[in-house]
Amino acid sequence: MEVLSVKLHGVRALSALAVASLALTSCGSSDQGGGGEEKFTQVKMSYDNDDFMNQMTWMVADEKYWPELGFTEPADVTASDEYMAALTGGDVWIAQGESDAVWAAMAQGSVPLKIVGVIKDTEAWWLGVREGVDPNNLAGLKISGGPIGDRNVKVAEKLLEERGVDPKSMDFVSIPGGSDDRLTALLAGQIDVAVLQPRHEAPLVENGGQMIEKKYQEVPQETWVVREETLENHKDEVCAYIEGRVEALQYVSEGPDHTANRDAVLEIVRARGLDPSQAEIDEWTQEMSNQLALDGGSSLESFEQWNQDMIDNGNVPEGFDWKEHADFSCLTAAQEKLGLKPDPGNITG
């Protein structure tokens, strides 16, 4: 596979180097990472992507719900491609990010981890082509689903097979980073086809390209994860974090088209210095309907399928039992308190 260097922007998913470094960083644990007994009064979180929707959902929790649940200090949230290393190293006590990286870190095992909830329960399988590409004649062209080993490489292969194209007939290009970086490479003509996200359709079309596949799959795509010792020593705070997140997700998605509280939410985030573009605002209903896990969970079946995909993709070894690394007791309590159906259920590995 060709490795393509492109100009990157924003934050990126966990790198292979970061996964390999987990054992090294784990020795630097601090009280903020869950090792101490003093009660947490502040959410300290690291996540993989600071796009508008990711920032908006935690900001609403921090503004409206976390203070009432015991977090008296404003949240300390950082976006970094080293979000899992920040968690295992003790710089933060909770992390949010791509589940393939979370699964790999759990399997690596230097620091026992627990998945405690889901922020995105649907995966967009969208395939885009640049200007001038015939979608019915893809063989031999350059395609990217991200860096080597990324789940989106498998997504690309599956989408090609569904279109009757042999993936082996394509030239797969490794592009570091996330889908924004693949779009950059696509628009620059460095590749011809890419696995993208719904938010990329507008800029792609504006530049003469098109989306040729638009599918959605229920998967626990992005999850919340803590150190096992944090859950043991600070379960009340973990539960408060999750309750605030789920309450915020319910608030931002109210209404038949999920926009009943949009203006109020925009006021909150703008007061915090976040000024979304009109294109980002226009994605509101789409994101609520097809991306965010509005109840903080995902179905048991989707977890089982995801785990098998991780085994098949080599992210975790054969026989890996994800339930041993999950604790949804806080999530279940929050869902029941808010009148939501528990999903995936009270699993406590």
Protein backbone atom coordinates (compact mmCIF):
# COMPACT_ATOMS: atom_id res chain seq x y z
CA MET A 1 0.00 0.00 0.00
CA GLU A 2 1.28 3.44 -0.94
CA VAL A 3 1.73 5.86 1.96
CA LEU A 4 0.74 9.38 1.00
CA SER A 5 1.81 12.45 2.93
CA VAL A 6 -0.73 15.25 2.82
CA LYS A 7 -1.08 18.51 4.66
CA LEU A 8 -3.07 17.68 7.78
CA HIS A 9 -5.34 19.88 9.84
CA GLY A 10 -7.27 19.43 13.06
CA VAL A 11 -6.78 16.43 15.28
CA ARG A 12 -6.41 12.83 14.25
CA ALA A 13 -7.28 9.35 15.41
CA LEU A 14 -4.93 7.37 17.63
CA SER A 15 -1.76 6.45 15.79
CA ALA A 16 -0.09 3.07 15.89
CA LEU A 17 2.79 4.73 17.75
CA ALA A 18 0.36 5.96 20.39
CA VAL A 19 -1.00 2.45 20.91
CA ALA A 20 2.51 1.11 21.24
CA SER A 21 3.38 3.82 23.77
CA LEU A 22 0.55 3.03 26.18
CA ALA A 23 2.77 0.87 28.34
CA LEU A 24 5.34 3.64 28.59
CA THR A 25 2.88 6.35 29.54
CA SER A 26 1.00 4.24 32.06
CA CYS A 27 3.72 4.61 34.66
CA GLY A 28 3.07 8.34 34.98
CA SER A 29 -0.38 8.07 36.56
CA SER A 30 -1.62 11.02 38.60
CA ASP A 31 -4.62 11.50 40.87
CA GLN A 32 -6.46 13.10 37.93
CA GLY A 33 -6.17 9.77 36.14
CA GLY A 34 -8.18 7.97 38.79
CA GLY A 35 -5.47 6.73 41.11
CA GLY A 36 -6.28 8.99 44.06
CA GLU A 37 -9.15 8.99 46.54
CA GLU A 38 -10.01 12.70 46.52
CA LYS A 39 -13.35 13.37 44.88
CA PHE A 40 -13.18 14.81 41.36
CA THR A 41 -14.75 18.24 41.04
CA GLN A 42 -13.82 18.70 37.38
CA VAL A 43 -14.27 16.70 34.21
CA LYS A 44 -10.86 16.11 32.68
CA MET A 45 -11.33 14.56 29.27
CA SER A 46 -9.32 14.01 26.11
CA TYR A 47 -10.95 13.23 22.78
CA ASP A 48 -9.87 12.62 19.25
CA ASN A 49 -11.68 15.31 17.29
CA ASP A 50 -12.77 18.84 18.16
CA ASP A 51 -15.27 19.32 15.35
CA PHE A 52 -18.40 21.32 16.12
CA MET A 53 -20.69 18.45 17.11
CA ASN A 54 -18.09 16.91 19.41
CA GLN A 55 -17.49 20.21 21.17
CA MET A 56 -21.13 21.22 21.33
CA THR A 57 -22.35 18.10 23.13
CA TRP A 58 -19.89 18.29 26.03
CA MET A 59 -20.23 22.08 26.30
CA VAL A 60 -23.97 21.75 26.89
CA ALA A 61 -23.31 19.16 29.61
CA ASP A 62 -20.76 21.46 31.22
CA GLU A 63 -23.08 24.45 31.05
CA LYS A 64 -26.39 22.89 32.11
CA TYR A 65 -25.88 19.57 33.89
CA TRP A 66 -22.43 18.78 35.26
CA PRO A 67 -22.40 21.62 37.83
CA GLU A 68 -25.58 20.24 39.39
CA LEU A 69 -24.00 16.78 39.48
CA GLY A 70 -20.95 17.84 41.50
CA PHE A 71 -18.48 19.18 38.95
CA THR A 72 -18.02 22.66 40.36
CA GLU A 73 -15.05 23.57 38.15
CA PRO A 74 -15.35 24.15 34.39
CA ALA A 75 -14.43 21.08 32.36
CA ASP A 76 -10.85 20.69 31.16
CA VAL A 77 -11.16 19.12 27.70
CA THR A 78 -8.37 18.60 25.19
CA ALA A 79 -8.41 17.32 21.61
CA SER A 80 -5.41 15.24 20.60
CA ASP A 81 -4.40 12.24 18.56
CA GLU A 82 -2.82 10.96 21.80
CA TYR A 83 -6.12 10.84 23.67
CA MET A 84 -5.69 7.24 24.79
CA ALA A 85 -2.13 7.88 25.97
CA ALA A 86 -3.47 10.85 27.94
CA LEU A 87 -5.95 8.52 29.64
CA THR A 88 -3.53 5.71 30.44
CA GLY A 89 -0.85 8.18 31.50
CA GLY A 90 -3.14 9.87 34.01
CA ASP A 91 -3.42 13.30 32.40
CA VAL A 92 -7.20 12.87 32.16
CA TRP A 93 -9.66 10.49 33.80
CA ILE A 94 -11.96 9.90 30.85
CA ALA A 95 -11.44 9.71 27.09
CA GLN A 96 -13.70 9.74 24.05
CA GLY A 97 -12.68 8.44 20.68
CA GLU A 98 -12.81 5.97 17.83
CA SER A 99 -13.70 2.53 19.11
CA ASP A 100 -11.13 0.73 16.97
CA ALA A 101 -8.41 2.59 18.88
CA VAL A 102 -10.18 1.93 22.18
CA TRP A 103 -10.43 -1.81 21.42
CA ALA A 104 -6.74 -1.93 20.51
CA ALA A 105 -5.80 -0.21 23.76
CA MET A 106 -7.98 -2.60 25.78
CA ALA A 107 -6.35 -5.58 24.10
CA GLN A 108 -2.88 -4.12 24.62
CA GLY A 109 -3.67 -4.33 28.30
CA SER A 110 -0.94 -2.34 30.01
CA VAL A 111 -3.65 -0.38 31.84
CA PRO A 112 -7.02 -2.04 32.55
CA LEU A 113 -9.77 -0.03 30.86
CA LYS A 114 -13.56 0.02 30.91
CA ILE A 115 -15.93 1.25 28.22
CA VAL A 116 -18.72 3.14 29.98
CA GLY A 117 -20.85 4.58 27.17
CA VAL A 118 -21.24 5.53 23.53
CA ILE A 119 -21.25 8.96 21.88
CA LYS A 120 -21.75 7.81 18.27
CA ASP A 121 -23.76 4.68 17.49
CA THR A 122 -23.95 4.89 13.72
CA GLU A 123 -21.17 4.66 11.18
CA ALA A 124 -21.46 6.44 7.86
CA TRP A 125 -20.31 4.30 4.94
CA TRP A 126 -19.99 7.08 2.38
CA LEU A 127 -17.79 6.81 -0.67
CA GLY A 128 -16.83 9.89 -2.68
CA VAL A 129 -15.04 10.44 -5.98
CA ARG A 130 -13.27 13.53 -7.23
CA GLU A 131 -14.21 15.53 -10.30
CA GLY A 132 -13.80 13.63 -13.55
CA VAL A 133 -14.00 10.13 -12.07
CA ASP A 134 -16.50 7.74 -13.65
CA PRO A 135 -18.18 5.95 -10.70
CA ASN A 136 -18.87 2.98 -12.98
CA ASN A 137 -15.23 2.54 -13.90
CA LEU A 138 -13.20 2.52 -10.69
CA ALA A 139 -10.74 -0.31 -11.34
CA GLY A 140 -7.14 0.83 -11.28
CA LEU A 141 -7.82 4.12 -9.51
CA LYS A 142 -6.31 5.35 -6.23
CA ILE A 143 -8.51 4.97 -3.15
CA SER A 144 -8.05 5.63 0.57
CA GLY A 145 -9.81 4.58 3.73
CA GLY A 146 -7.14 6.13 5.92
CA PRO A 147 -3.86 4.79 7.32
CA ILE A 148 -2.83 1.15 7.12
CA GLY A 149 -5.00 -0.94 9.47
CA ASP A 150 -7.74 1.68 9.79
CA ARG A 151 -11.26 0.29 9.93
CA ASN A 152 -12.27 2.51 7.01
CA VAL A 153 -9.96 0.52 4.75
CA LYS A 154 -12.26 -2.47 5.39
CA VAL A 155 -15.28 -0.23 4.83
CA ALA A 156 -13.84 0.77 1.46
CA GLU A 157 -13.32 -2.86 0.52
CA LYS A 158 -16.90 -3.78 1.47
CA LEU A 159 -18.38 -0.84 -0.46
CA LEU A 160 -16.33 -1.72 -3.53
CA GLU A 161 -17.45 -5.35 -3.36
CA GLU A 162 -21.08 -4.24 -3.13
CA ARG A 163 -20.54 -2.23 -6.32
CA GLY A 164 -19.06 -5.27 -8.05
CA VAL A 165 -15.50 -3.92 -7.95
CA ASP A 166 -12.66 -6.19 -6.83
CA PRO A 167 -10.76 -4.27 -4.11
CA LYS A 168 -7.55 -5.86 -5.38
CA SER A 169 -8.05 -4.01 -8.65
CA MET A 170 -7.71 -0.68 -6.79
CA ASP A 171 -4.56 1.11 -5.65
CA PHE A 172 -5.04 1.61 -1.91
CA VAL A 173 -3.24 4.67 -0.57
CA SER A 174 -2.46 5.13 3.13
CA ILE A 175 -3.33 8.66 4.28
CA PRO A 176 -2.59 9.54 7.92
CA GLY A 177 -5.31 11.22 9.93
CA GLY A 178 -9.06 11.19 9.56
CA SER A 179 -11.70 11.72 6.93
CA ASP A 180 -11.02 15.46 6.68
CA ASP A 181 -7.52 14.63 5.51
CA ARG A 182 -8.83 12.16 2.95
CA LEU A 183 -11.11 14.87 1.58
CA THR A 184 -8.13 17.21 1.31
CA ALA A 185 -6.20 14.61 -0.67
CA LEU A 186 -9.22 13.87 -2.85
CA LEU A 187 -9.81 17.51 -3.76
CA ALA A 188 -6.10 17.93 -4.44
CA GLY A 189 -6.23 15.08 -6.95
CA GLN A 190 -3.81 12.93 -4.97
CA ILE A 191 -6.39 10.14 -4.84
CA ASP A 192 -9.51 9.39 -6.89
CA VAL A 193 -11.85 7.75 -4.36
CA ALA A 194 -12.18 8.05 -0.58
CA VAL A 195 -14.26 6.92 2.36
CA LEU A 196 -15.76 10.18 3.65
CA GLN A 197 -18.38 11.55 6.04
CA PRO A 198 -21.76 13.19 5.29
CA ARG A 199 -20.38 16.61 6.20
CA HIS A 200 -17.99 16.34 3.25
CA GLU A 201 -20.71 16.15 0.60
CA ALA A 202 -21.13 19.93 0.23
CA PRO A 203 -17.44 20.76 -0.32
CA LEU A 204 -17.03 17.69 -2.53
CA VAL A 205 -19.92 18.67 -4.80
CA GLU A 206 -18.77 22.30 -4.86
CA ASN A 207 -15.48 21.06 -6.28
CA GLY A 208 -17.04 18.87 -8.95
CA GLY A 209 -17.02 15.54 -7.14
CA GLN A 210 -19.87 13.36 -5.92
CA MET A 211 -20.84 10.83 -3.30
CA ILE A 212 -21.46 7.47 -4.93
CA GLU A 213 -22.36 5.49 -1.78
CA LYS A 214 -24.43 6.69 1.20
CA LYS A 215 -25.01 3.94 3.74
CA TYR A 216 -25.33 3.80 7.52
CA GLN A 217 -24.45 0.94 9.85
CA GLU A 218 -25.31 0.70 13.54
CA VAL A 219 -22.03 0.29 15.38
CA PRO A 220 -20.62 1.70 18.64
CA GLN A 221 -18.36 3.88 16.52
CA GLU A 222 -17.09 6.21 19.27
CA THR A 223 -17.11 5.41 22.97
CA TRP A 224 -16.31 6.79 26.43
CA VAL A 225 -13.62 4.92 28.30
CA VAL A 226 -12.04 5.18 31.75
CA ARG A 227 -9.30 3.42 33.65
CA GLU A 228 -10.63 0.52 35.68
CA GLU A 229 -9.22 2.04 38.86
CA THR A 230 -11.11 5.27 38.14
CA LEU A 231 -14.37 3.36 38.02
CA GLU A 232 -13.48 1.60 41.27
CA ASN A 233 -12.37 4.72 43.16
CA HIS A 234 -14.59 7.37 41.56
CA LYS A 235 -17.73 5.65 40.35
CA ASP A 236 -19.97 8.49 41.53
CA GLU A 237 -18.08 10.94 39.34
CA VAL A 238 -18.10 8.59 36.35
CA CYS A 239 -21.86 8.17 36.76
CA ALA A 240 -22.27 11.95 37.05
CA TYR A 241 -20.27 12.45 33.87
CA ILE A 242 -22.44 9.99 31.96
CA GLU A 243 -25.71 11.33 33.33
CA GLY A 244 -24.72 14.84 32.26
CA ARG A 245 -23.71 13.68 28.80
CA VAL A 246 -26.94 11.77 28.22
CA GLU A 247 -29.04 14.67 29.53
CA ALA A 248 -27.19 16.99 27.16
CA LEU A 249 -27.72 14.64 24.23
CA GLN A 250 -31.43 14.53 25.00
CA TYR A 251 -31.58 18.32 25.23
CA VAL A 252 -29.74 19.08 21.98
CA SER A 253 -31.92 16.61 20.07
CA GLU A 254 -35.38 17.62 21.25
CA GLY A 255 -38.14 18.12 18.69
CA PRO A 256 -39.37 16.18 15.64
CA ASP A 257 -36.40 17.34 13.56
CA HIS A 258 -34.10 17.67 16.60
CA THR A 259 -33.93 21.47 16.34
CA ALA A 260 -36.24 22.62 19.19
CA ASN A 261 -33.28 23.75 21.32
CA ARG A 262 -30.81 24.51 18.54
CA ASP A 263 -30.87 28.30 19.02
CA ALA A 264 -30.35 27.97 22.77
CA VAL A 265 -27.45 25.57 22.21
CA LEU A 266 -25.85 27.91 19.68
CA GLU A 267 -26.06 30.69 22.25
CA ILE A 268 -24.25 28.49 24.78
CA VAL A 269 -21.41 27.50 22.49
CA ARG A 270 -20.91 30.97 21.05
CA ALA A 271 -20.59 32.36 24.55
CA ARG A 272 -17.76 29.85 25.00
CA GLY A 273 -15.96 31.02 21.88
CA LEU A 274 -17.16 28.32 19.48
CA ASP A 275 -18.57 29.86 16.29
CA PRO A 276 -19.86 27.13 13.95
CA SER A 277 -20.17 27.75 10.24
CA GLN A 278 -23.57 27.71 8.56
CA ALA A 279 -22.61 24.42 6.90
CA GLU A 280 -21.97 22.89 10.33
CA ILE A 281 -25.30 24.18 11.63
CA ASP A 282 -27.07 22.79 8.56
CA GLU A 283 -25.80 19.31 9.52
CA TRP A 284 -27.74 19.42 12.80
CA THR A 285 -30.64 17.10 11.96
CA GLN A 286 -28.40 14.76 9.98
CA GLU A 287 -25.96 14.40 12.88
CA MET A 288 -28.73 13.83 15.42
CA SER A 289 -30.52 11.29 13.23
CA ASN A 290 -27.54 9.37 11.86
CA GLN A 291 -24.48 9.85 14.06
CA LEU A 292 -24.98 10.69 17.74
CA ALA A 293 -26.01 8.06 20.28
CA LEU A 294 -28.80 10.12 21.82
CA ASP A 295 -29.24 7.70 24.74
CA GLY A 296 -25.51 7.16 25.29
CA GLY A 297 -25.66 3.54 24.18
CA SER A 298 -25.81 1.10 21.28
CA SER A 299 -27.49 -2.27 20.87
CA LEU A 300 -25.93 -5.45 22.20
CA GLU A 301 -26.00 -6.88 18.68
CA SER A 302 -24.01 -3.93 17.36
CA PHE A 303 -21.35 -4.43 20.05
CA GLU A 304 -21.07 -8.11 19.19
CA GLN A 305 -20.70 -7.38 15.48
CA TRP A 306 -18.21 -4.61 16.15
CA ASN A 307 -16.11 -6.91 18.31
CA GLN A 308 -16.05 -9.53 15.55
CA ASP A 309 -15.04 -6.86 13.05
CA MET A 310 -12.18 -5.85 15.34
CA ILE A 311 -11.05 -9.48 15.52
CA ASP A 312 -11.29 -9.87 11.74
CA ASN A 313 -9.37 -6.63 11.22
CA GLY A 314 -6.59 -7.64 13.59
CA ASN A 315 -7.24 -4.87 16.13
CA VAL A 316 -7.72 -7.47 18.86
CA PRO A 317 -6.79 -11.16 19.11
CA GLU A 318 -9.08 -14.07 18.34
CA GLY A 319 -11.43 -14.74 21.24
CA PHE A 320 -11.26 -11.21 22.64
CA ASP A 321 -14.24 -10.72 25.00
CA TRP A 322 -15.28 -7.07 24.94
CA LYS A 323 -17.73 -7.58 27.83
CA GLU A 324 -14.80 -8.11 30.19
CA HIS A 325 -13.78 -4.53 29.39
CA ALA A 326 -17.21 -2.87 29.69
CA ASP A 327 -19.25 -1.50 32.56
CA PHE A 328 -22.59 0.04 31.68
CA SER A 329 -23.95 0.28 35.22
CA CYS A 330 -23.67 4.09 35.24
CA LEU A 331 -25.17 4.33 31.77
CA THR A 332 -28.07 2.05 32.66
CA ALA A 333 -28.78 4.10 35.81
CA ALA A 334 -28.75 7.34 33.81
CA GLN A 335 -31.01 5.92 31.11
CA GLU A 336 -33.51 4.63 33.64
CA LYS A 337 -33.48 7.93 35.56
CA LEU A 338 -34.22 9.83 32.34
CA GLY A 339 -36.97 7.44 31.27
CA LEU A 340 -34.96 5.84 28.47
CA LYS A 341 -34.79 2.17 27.59
CA PRO A 342 -31.50 0.68 28.81
CA ASP A 343 -29.27 0.02 25.83
CA PRO A 344 -27.24 -2.21 25.57
CA GLY A 345 -28.19 -3.23 29.12
CA ASN A 346 -26.49 -3.49 32.50
CA ILE A 347 -23.30 -5.24 31.42
CA THR A 348 -20.57 -5.17 34.09
CA GLY A 349 -17.48 -7.06 33.01
